[in-house]
């Protein structure tokens, strides 16, 4: 598995909450948005500092992790 450059966690940024790298946007915000039925395009519109490639990388990492534990 390649290192995840899409997500970072730094105690100096939101107390270490996982965020999209280079932003202060928590990954949980994306998850909450998708759970609410919002599209990725809407999320990107609301959080323009996040790149689509970061979301795709996060989703791919999540898929790999789930498949490895199933």
PDB file of N, CA and C in Angstrom:
ATOM      1  N   UNK A   1       0.846  -1.173   0.000  1.00  0.00           N
ATOM      2  CA  UNK A   1       0.000   0.000   0.000  1.00  0.00           C
ATOM      3  C   UNK A   1       0.892   1.237   0.000  1.00  0.00           C
ATOM      4  N   UNK A   2       0.600   2.190  -0.871  1.00  0.00           N
ATOM      5  CA  UNK A   2       1.392   3.410  -0.941  1.00  0.00           C
ATOM      6  C   UNK A   2       1.012   4.349   0.206  1.00  0.00           C
ATOM      7  N   UNK A   3       1.937   5.219   0.620  1.00  0.00           N
ATOM      8  CA  UNK A   3       1.611   6.142   1.697  1.00  0.00           C
ATOM      9  C   UNK A   3       0.471   7.071   1.299  1.00  0.00           C
ATOM     10  N   UNK A   4      -0.320   7.435   2.262  1.00  0.00           N
ATOM     11  CA  UNK A   4      -1.476   8.278   1.987  1.00  0.00           C
ATOM     12  C   UNK A   4      -1.083   9.746   2.112  1.00  0.00           C
ATOM     13  N   UNK A   5      -0.954  10.421   0.985  1.00  0.00           N
ATOM     14  CA  UNK A   5      -0.620  11.832   1.001  1.00  0.00           C
ATOM     15  C   UNK A   5      -1.877  12.692   0.931  1.00  0.00           C
ATOM     16  N   UNK A   6      -3.027  12.061   0.785  1.00  0.00           N
ATOM     17  CA  UNK A   6      -4.281  12.803   0.702  1.00  0.00           C
ATOM     18  C   UNK A   6      -4.775  13.222   2.074  1.00  0.00           C
ATOM     19  N   UNK A   7      -4.389  12.481   3.106  1.00  0.00           N
ATOM     20  CA  UNK A   7      -4.873  12.706   4.462  1.00  0.00           C
ATOM     21  C   UNK A   7      -3.668  12.934   5.372  1.00  0.00           C
ATOM     22  N   UNK A   8      -3.806  13.855   6.301  1.00  0.00           N
ATOM     23  CA  UNK A   8      -2.747  14.062   7.279  1.00  0.00           C
ATOM     24  C   UNK A   8      -3.358  14.282   8.651  1.00  0.00           C
ATOM     25  N   UNK A   9      -2.531  14.080   9.648  1.00  0.00           N
ATOM     26  CA  UNK A   9      -2.935  14.293  11.029  1.00  0.00           C
ATOM     27  C   UNK A   9      -1.768  14.951  11.747  1.00  0.00           C
ATOM     28  N   UNK A  10      -2.010  16.128  12.285  1.00  0.00           N
ATOM     29  CA  UNK A  10      -0.965  16.905  12.945  1.00  0.00           C
ATOM     30  C   UNK A  10      -1.566  17.479  14.228  1.00  0.00           C
ATOM     31  N   UNK A  11      -0.931  17.222  15.370  1.00  0.00           N
ATOM     32  CA  UNK A  11      -1.480  17.742  16.625  1.00  0.00           C
ATOM     33  C   UNK A  11      -1.701  19.262  16.616  1.00  0.00           C
ATOM     34  N   UNK A  12      -0.978  19.981  15.758  1.00  0.00           N
ATOM     35  CA  UNK A  12      -1.121  21.438  15.685  1.00  0.00           C
ATOM     36  C   UNK A  12      -2.303  21.869  14.816  1.00  0.00           C
ATOM     37  N   UNK A  13      -2.905  20.923  14.090  1.00  0.00           N
ATOM     38  CA  UNK A  13      -4.048  21.237  13.219  1.00  0.00           C
ATOM     39  C   UNK A  13      -5.258  20.475  13.723  1.00  0.00           C
ATOM     40  N   UNK A  14      -6.230  21.203  14.219  1.00  0.00           N
ATOM     41  CA  UNK A  14      -7.470  20.630  14.752  1.00  0.00           C
ATOM     42  C   UNK A  14      -7.202  19.489  15.734  1.00  0.00           C
ATOM     43  N   UNK A  15      -6.201  19.669  16.573  1.00  0.00           N
ATOM     44  CA  UNK A  15      -5.850  18.695  17.625  1.00  0.00           C
ATOM     45  C   UNK A  15      -5.565  17.299  17.084  1.00  0.00           C
ATOM     46  N   UNK A  16      -5.057  17.218  15.861  1.00  0.00           N
ATOM     47  CA  UNK A  16      -4.694  15.924  15.295  1.00  0.00           C
ATOM     48  C   UNK A  16      -5.806  15.216  14.547  1.00  0.00           C
ATOM     49  N   UNK A  17      -6.949  15.856  14.404  1.00  0.00           N
ATOM     50  CA  UNK A  17      -8.049  15.281  13.627  1.00  0.00           C
ATOM     51  C   UNK A  17      -7.569  15.028  12.200  1.00  0.00           C
ATOM     52  N   UNK A  18      -7.837  13.859  11.634  1.00  0.00           N
ATOM     53  CA  UNK A  18      -7.441  13.615  10.231  1.00  0.00           C
ATOM     54  C   UNK A  18      -8.125  14.621   9.298  1.00  0.00           C
ATOM     55  N   UNK A  19      -7.316  15.292   8.501  1.00  0.00           N
ATOM     56  CA  UNK A  19      -7.811  16.295   7.557  1.00  0.00           C
ATOM     57  C   UNK A  19      -7.252  15.990   6.170  1.00  0.00           C
ATOM     58  N   UNK A  20      -7.865  16.582   5.168  1.00  0.00           N
ATOM     59  CA  UNK A  20      -7.297  16.501   3.835  1.00  0.00           C
ATOM     60  C   UNK A  20      -6.015  17.328   3.845  1.00  0.00           C
ATOM     61  N   UNK A  21      -4.912  16.744   3.399  1.00  0.00           N
ATOM     62  CA  UNK A  21      -3.599  17.389   3.454  1.00  0.00           C
ATOM     63  C   UNK A  21      -3.634  18.781   2.841  1.00  0.00           C
ATOM     64  N   UNK A  22      -2.985  19.702   3.526  1.00  0.00           N
ATOM     65  CA  UNK A  22      -2.908  21.071   3.043  1.00  0.00           C
ATOM     66  C   UNK A  22      -4.152  21.890   3.333  1.00  0.00           C
ATOM     67  N   UNK A  23      -5.102  21.307   4.068  1.00  0.00           N
ATOM     68  CA  UNK A  23      -6.339  22.009   4.409  1.00  0.00           C
ATOM     69  C   UNK A  23      -6.609  21.840   5.903  1.00  0.00           C
ATOM     70  N   UNK A  24      -7.673  22.452   6.358  1.00  0.00           N
ATOM     71  CA  UNK A  24      -8.178  22.232   7.704  1.00  0.00           C
ATOM     72  C   UNK A  24      -9.554  21.569   7.631  1.00  0.00           C
ATOM     73  N   UNK A  25      -9.820  20.866   6.532  1.00  0.00           N
ATOM     74  CA  UNK A  25     -11.105  20.204   6.315  1.00  0.00           C
ATOM     75  C   UNK A  25     -11.007  18.767   6.826  1.00  0.00           C
ATOM     76  N   UNK A  26     -11.742  18.445   7.898  1.00  0.00           N
ATOM     77  CA  UNK A  26     -11.705  17.084   8.432  1.00  0.00           C
ATOM     78  C   UNK A  26     -12.277  16.064   7.445  1.00  0.00           C
ATOM     79  N   UNK A  27     -11.678  14.896   7.425  1.00  0.00           N
ATOM     80  CA  UNK A  27     -12.171  13.799   6.587  1.00  0.00           C
ATOM     81  C   UNK A  27     -13.594  13.437   6.997  1.00  0.00           C
ATOM     82  N   UNK A  28     -13.881  13.535   8.284  1.00  0.00           N
ATOM     83  CA  UNK A  28     -15.223  13.221   8.780  1.00  0.00           C
ATOM     84  C   UNK A  28     -16.287  14.096   8.118  1.00  0.00           C
ATOM     85  N   UNK A  29     -15.915  15.308   7.738  1.00  0.00           N
ATOM     86  CA  UNK A  29     -16.859  16.193   7.063  1.00  0.00           C
ATOM     87  C   UNK A  29     -17.302  15.590   5.730  1.00  0.00           C
ATOM     88  N   UNK A  30     -16.369  14.975   5.002  1.00  0.00           N
ATOM     89  CA  UNK A  30     -16.737  14.292   3.758  1.00  0.00           C
ATOM     90  C   UNK A  30     -17.660  13.118   4.050  1.00  0.00           C
ATOM     91  N   UNK A  31     -17.309  12.317   5.031  1.00  0.00           N
ATOM     92  CA  UNK A  31     -18.130  11.150   5.373  1.00  0.00           C
ATOM     93  C   UNK A  31     -19.540  11.595   5.754  1.00  0.00           C
ATOM     94  N   UNK A  32     -19.649  12.614   6.600  1.00  0.00           N
ATOM     95  CA  UNK A  32     -20.961  13.121   7.001  1.00  0.00           C
ATOM     96  C   UNK A  32     -21.749  13.628   5.798  1.00  0.00           C
ATOM     97  N   UNK A  33     -21.059  14.306   4.893  1.00  0.00           N
ATOM     98  CA  UNK A  33     -21.699  14.841   3.701  1.00  0.00           C
ATOM     99  C   UNK A  33     -22.248  13.717   2.815  1.00  0.00           C
ATOM    100  N   UNK A  34     -21.439  12.677   2.609  1.00  0.00           N
ATOM    101  CA  UNK A  34     -21.894  11.545   1.785  1.00  0.00           C
ATOM    102  C   UNK A  34     -23.035  10.806   2.462  1.00  0.00           C
ATOM    103  N   UNK A  35     -22.966  10.649   3.782  1.00  0.00           N
ATOM    104  CA  UNK A  35     -24.050   9.991   4.522  1.00  0.00           C
ATOM    105  C   UNK A  35     -25.358  10.768   4.393  1.00  0.00           C
ATOM    106  N   UNK A  36     -25.255  12.080   4.286  1.00  0.00           N
ATOM    107  CA  UNK A  36     -26.442  12.924   4.148  1.00  0.00           C
ATOM    108  C   UNK A  36     -27.007  12.898   2.727  1.00  0.00           C
ATOM    109  N   UNK A  37     -26.302  12.223   1.816  1.00  0.00           N
ATOM    110  CA  UNK A  37     -26.781  12.119   0.440  1.00  0.00           C
ATOM    111  C   UNK A  37     -26.211  13.170  -0.495  1.00  0.00           C
ATOM    112  N   UNK A  38     -25.284  13.969   0.000  1.00  0.00           N
ATOM    113  CA  UNK A  38     -24.673  14.989  -0.851  1.00  0.00           C
ATOM    114  C   UNK A  38     -23.703  14.340  -1.833  1.00  0.00           C
ATOM    115  N   UNK A  39     -23.496  14.986  -2.938  1.00  0.00           N
ATOM    116  CA  UNK A  39     -22.566  14.480  -3.946  1.00  0.00           C
ATOM    117  C   UNK A  39     -21.145  14.961  -3.640  1.00  0.00           C
ATOM    118  N   UNK A  40     -20.189  14.287  -4.241  1.00  0.00           N
ATOM    119  CA  UNK A  40     -18.802  14.727  -4.129  1.00  0.00           C
ATOM    120  C   UNK A  40     -18.659  16.112  -4.754  1.00  0.00           C
ATOM    121  N   UNK A  41     -19.353  16.362  -5.847  1.00  0.00           N
ATOM    122  CA  UNK A  41     -19.279  17.679  -6.485  1.00  0.00           C
ATOM    123  C   UNK A  41     -19.761  18.782  -5.543  1.00  0.00           C
ATOM    124  N   UNK A  42     -20.826  18.520  -4.793  1.00  0.00           N
ATOM    125  CA  UNK A  42     -21.311  19.511  -3.836  1.00  0.00           C
ATOM    126  C   UNK A  42     -20.276  19.735  -2.735  1.00  0.00           C
ATOM    127  N   UNK A  43     -19.683  18.650  -2.249  1.00  0.00           N
ATOM    128  CA  UNK A  43     -18.649  18.766  -1.224  1.00  0.00           C
ATOM    129  C   UNK A  43     -17.492  19.623  -1.739  1.00  0.00           C
ATOM    130  N   UNK A  44     -17.044  19.344  -2.953  1.00  0.00           N
ATOM    131  CA  UNK A  44     -15.941  20.117  -3.535  1.00  0.00           C
ATOM    132  C   UNK A  44     -16.318  21.581  -3.709  1.00  0.00           C
ATOM    133  N   UNK A  45     -17.560  21.843  -4.009  1.00  0.00           N
ATOM    134  CA  UNK A  45     -18.034  23.215  -4.129  1.00  0.00           C
ATOM    135  C   UNK A  45     -18.010  23.917  -2.773  1.00  0.00           C
ATOM    136  N   UNK A  46     -18.398  23.186  -1.737  1.00  0.00           N
ATOM    137  CA  UNK A  46     -18.420  23.751  -0.386  1.00  0.00           C
ATOM    138  C   UNK A  46     -17.019  23.900   0.210  1.00  0.00           C
ATOM    139  N   UNK A  47     -16.092  23.040  -0.220  1.00  0.00           N
ATOM    140  CA  UNK A  47     -14.728  23.028   0.320  1.00  0.00           C
ATOM    141  C   UNK A  47     -13.714  23.046  -0.830  1.00  0.00           C
ATOM    142  N   UNK A  48     -13.557  24.198  -1.472  1.00  0.00           N
ATOM    143  CA  UNK A  48     -12.706  24.273  -2.662  1.00  0.00           C
ATOM    144  C   UNK A  48     -11.218  24.012  -2.413  1.00  0.00           C
ATOM    145  N   UNK A  49     -10.789  24.004  -1.150  1.00  0.00           N
ATOM    146  CA  UNK A  49      -9.378  23.706  -0.869  1.00  0.00           C
ATOM    147  C   UNK A  49      -9.072  22.214  -0.993  1.00  0.00           C
ATOM    148  N   UNK A  50     -10.118  21.385  -1.001  1.00  0.00           N
ATOM    149  CA  UNK A  50      -9.946  19.934  -1.157  1.00  0.00           C
ATOM    150  C   UNK A  50      -9.962  19.612  -2.649  1.00  0.00           C
ATOM    151  N   UNK A  51      -9.056  18.754  -3.061  1.00  0.00           N
ATOM    152  CA  UNK A  51      -8.986  18.351  -4.472  1.00  0.00           C
ATOM    153  C   UNK A  51      -9.724  17.023  -4.664  1.00  0.00           C
ATOM    154  N   UNK A  52     -10.308  16.882  -5.833  1.00  0.00           N
ATOM    155  CA  UNK A  52     -10.999  15.622  -6.163  1.00  0.00           C
ATOM    156  C   UNK A  52     -10.042  14.440  -6.005  1.00  0.00           C
ATOM    157  N   UNK A  53      -8.798  14.613  -6.399  1.00  0.00           N
ATOM    158  CA  UNK A  53      -7.828  13.519  -6.300  1.00  0.00           C
ATOM    159  C   UNK A  53      -7.627  13.084  -4.849  1.00  0.00           C
ATOM    160  N   UNK A  54      -7.749  14.013  -3.901  1.00  0.00           N
ATOM    161  CA  UNK A  54      -7.628  13.655  -2.488  1.00  0.00           C
ATOM    162  C   UNK A  54      -8.812  12.790  -2.051  1.00  0.00           C
ATOM    163  N   UNK A  55      -9.990  13.128  -2.514  1.00  0.00           N
ATOM    164  CA  UNK A  55     -11.176  12.336  -2.176  1.00  0.00           C
ATOM    165  C   UNK A  55     -11.060  10.944  -2.775  1.00  0.00           C
ATOM    166  N   UNK A  56     -10.653  10.866  -4.030  1.00  0.00           N
ATOM    167  CA  UNK A  56     -10.495   9.566  -4.691  1.00  0.00           C
ATOM    168  C   UNK A  56      -9.451   8.732  -3.956  1.00  0.00           C
ATOM    169  N   UNK A  57      -8.328   9.340  -3.584  1.00  0.00           N
ATOM    170  CA  UNK A  57      -7.284   8.612  -2.859  1.00  0.00           C
ATOM    171  C   UNK A  57      -7.807   8.112  -1.515  1.00  0.00           C
ATOM    172  N   UNK A  58      -8.569   8.949  -0.810  1.00  0.00           N
ATOM    173  CA  UNK A  58      -9.150   8.543   0.470  1.00  0.00           C
ATOM    174  C   UNK A  58     -10.108   7.368   0.276  1.00  0.00           C
ATOM    175  N   UNK A  59     -10.965   7.449  -0.714  1.00  0.00           N
ATOM    176  CA  UNK A  59     -11.929   6.368  -0.965  1.00  0.00           C
ATOM    177  C   UNK A  59     -11.220   5.077  -1.371  1.00  0.00           C
ATOM    178  N   UNK A  60     -10.180   5.181  -2.174  1.00  0.00           N
ATOM    179  CA  UNK A  60      -9.417   3.990  -2.569  1.00  0.00           C
ATOM    180  C   UNK A  60      -8.723   3.365  -1.366  1.00  0.00           C
ATOM    181  N   UNK A  61      -8.141   4.194  -0.497  1.00  0.00           N
ATOM    182  CA  UNK A  61      -7.495   3.691   0.706  1.00  0.00           C
ATOM    183  C   UNK A  61      -8.523   3.002   1.617  1.00  0.00           C
ATOM    184  N   UNK A  62      -9.681   3.598   1.748  1.00  0.00           N
ATOM    185  CA  UNK A  62     -10.739   3.022   2.578  1.00  0.00           C
ATOM    186  C   UNK A  62     -11.190   1.678   2.013  1.00  0.00           C
ATOM    187  N   UNK A  63     -11.353   1.614   0.691  1.00  0.00           N
ATOM    188  CA  UNK A  63     -11.750   0.368   0.037  1.00  0.00           C
ATOM    189  C   UNK A  63     -10.706  -0.726   0.271  1.00  0.00           C
ATOM    190  N   UNK A  64      -9.435  -0.375   0.071  1.00  0.00           N
ATOM    191  CA  UNK A  64      -8.351  -1.354   0.279  1.00  0.00           C
ATOM    192  C   UNK A  64      -8.335  -1.857   1.710  1.00  0.00           C
ATOM    193  N   UNK A  65      -8.527  -0.958   2.662  1.00  0.00           N
ATOM    194  CA  UNK A  65      -8.526  -1.337   4.068  1.00  0.00           C
ATOM    195  C   UNK A  65      -9.698  -2.266   4.382  1.00  0.00           C
ATOM    196  N   UNK A  66     -10.860  -1.946   3.879  1.00  0.00           N
ATOM    197  CA  UNK A  66     -12.038  -2.797   4.120  1.00  0.00           C
ATOM    198  C   UNK A  66     -11.883  -4.171   3.478  1.00  0.00           C
ATOM    199  N   UNK A  67     -11.376  -4.202   2.263  1.00  0.00           N
ATOM    200  CA  UNK A  67     -11.214  -5.478   1.578  1.00  0.00           C
ATOM    201  C   UNK A  67     -10.135  -6.335   2.251  1.00  0.00           C
ATOM    202  N   UNK A  68      -9.134  -5.705   2.814  1.00  0.00           N
ATOM    203  CA  UNK A  68      -8.057  -6.450   3.485  1.00  0.00           C
ATOM    204  C   UNK A  68      -8.521  -7.042   4.796  1.00  0.00           C
ATOM    205  N   UNK A  69      -9.532  -6.449   5.407  1.00  0.00           N
ATOM    206  CA  UNK A  69     -10.005  -6.942   6.704  1.00  0.00           C
ATOM    207  C   UNK A  69     -11.228  -7.837   6.575  1.00  0.00           C
ATOM    208  N   UNK A  70     -11.789  -7.923   5.388  1.00  0.00           N
ATOM    209  CA  UNK A  70     -13.001  -8.744   5.192  1.00  0.00           C
ATOM    210  C   UNK A  70     -12.675 -10.214   5.065  1.00  0.00           C
TER     211      UNK A  70
END
